[in-house]
């Protein structure tokens, strides 16, 4: 269960990073 939670958090972090990169990319352009 702990591993599942960690994976879930990691997945959420990845999505956040992707969103941030996407936003930065738009601003950069």
N, C-alpha and C. Protein backbone atom coordinates (compact mmCIF):
# COMPACT_ATOMS: atom_id res chain seq x y z
N UNK A 1 0.85 -1.21 0.00
CA UNK A 1 0.00 0.00 0.00
C UNK A 1 0.88 1.25 0.00
N UNK A 2 1.92 1.22 0.81
CA UNK A 2 2.80 2.40 0.87
C UNK A 2 3.39 2.68 -0.51
N UNK A 3 3.81 1.60 -1.18
CA UNK A 3 4.40 1.78 -2.52
C UNK A 3 3.36 2.41 -3.45
N UNK A 4 2.12 1.93 -3.38
CA UNK A 4 1.07 2.47 -4.24
C UNK A 4 0.92 3.97 -3.97
N UNK A 5 0.93 4.34 -2.70
CA UNK A 5 0.78 5.76 -2.36
C UNK A 5 1.95 6.55 -2.93
N UNK A 6 3.15 6.02 -2.77
CA UNK A 6 4.34 6.71 -3.29
C UNK A 6 4.23 6.86 -4.80
N UNK A 7 3.81 5.80 -5.48
CA UNK A 7 3.67 5.87 -6.94
C UNK A 7 2.64 6.92 -7.30
N UNK A 8 1.54 6.95 -6.56
CA UNK A 8 0.48 7.93 -6.84
C UNK A 8 1.03 9.34 -6.69
N UNK A 9 1.78 9.55 -5.62
CA UNK A 9 2.34 10.89 -5.38
C UNK A 9 3.31 11.23 -6.52
N UNK A 10 4.14 10.26 -6.88
CA UNK A 10 5.11 10.50 -7.95
C UNK A 10 4.38 10.86 -9.23
N UNK A 11 3.33 10.11 -9.54
CA UNK A 11 2.57 10.37 -10.76
C UNK A 11 2.01 11.79 -10.72
N UNK A 12 1.48 12.19 -9.56
CA UNK A 12 0.92 13.53 -9.43
C UNK A 12 2.03 14.56 -9.63
N UNK A 13 3.19 14.30 -9.05
CA UNK A 13 4.32 15.23 -9.20
C UNK A 13 4.69 15.36 -10.67
N UNK A 14 4.74 14.23 -11.36
CA UNK A 14 5.10 14.25 -12.79
C UNK A 14 4.10 15.12 -13.55
N UNK A 15 2.82 14.94 -13.28
CA UNK A 15 1.80 15.74 -13.97
C UNK A 15 2.02 17.22 -13.68
N UNK A 16 2.30 17.55 -12.41
CA UNK A 16 2.53 18.95 -12.05
C UNK A 16 3.71 19.50 -12.82
N UNK A 17 4.79 18.72 -12.89
CA UNK A 17 5.98 19.18 -13.61
C UNK A 17 5.66 19.39 -15.08
N UNK A 18 4.91 18.46 -15.67
CA UNK A 18 4.54 18.59 -17.08
C UNK A 18 3.74 19.86 -17.29
N UNK A 19 2.78 20.12 -16.40
CA UNK A 19 1.96 21.32 -16.53
C UNK A 19 2.83 22.56 -16.41
N UNK A 20 3.76 22.56 -15.46
CA UNK A 20 4.64 23.71 -15.26
C UNK A 20 5.48 23.93 -16.51
N UNK A 21 6.05 22.86 -17.04
CA UNK A 21 6.87 22.98 -18.25
C UNK A 21 6.03 23.52 -19.40
N UNK A 22 4.81 23.02 -19.54
CA UNK A 22 3.92 23.47 -20.61
C UNK A 22 3.65 24.97 -20.46
N UNK A 23 3.36 25.40 -19.24
CA UNK A 23 3.07 26.82 -19.00
C UNK A 23 4.31 27.66 -19.29
N UNK A 24 5.46 27.20 -18.83
CA UNK A 24 6.71 27.95 -19.07
C UNK A 24 6.96 28.03 -20.57
N UNK A 25 6.72 26.93 -21.27
CA UNK A 25 6.94 26.90 -22.71
C UNK A 25 6.07 27.96 -23.38
N UNK A 26 4.81 28.04 -22.98
CA UNK A 26 3.90 29.03 -23.57
C UNK A 26 4.41 30.45 -23.29
N UNK A 27 4.82 30.68 -22.04
CA UNK A 27 5.31 32.02 -21.68
C UNK A 27 6.58 32.33 -22.47
N UNK A 28 7.45 31.32 -22.60
CA UNK A 28 8.71 31.53 -23.31
C UNK A 28 8.43 31.95 -24.74
N UNK A 29 7.42 31.33 -25.34
CA UNK A 29 7.07 31.67 -26.73
C UNK A 29 6.42 33.03 -26.72
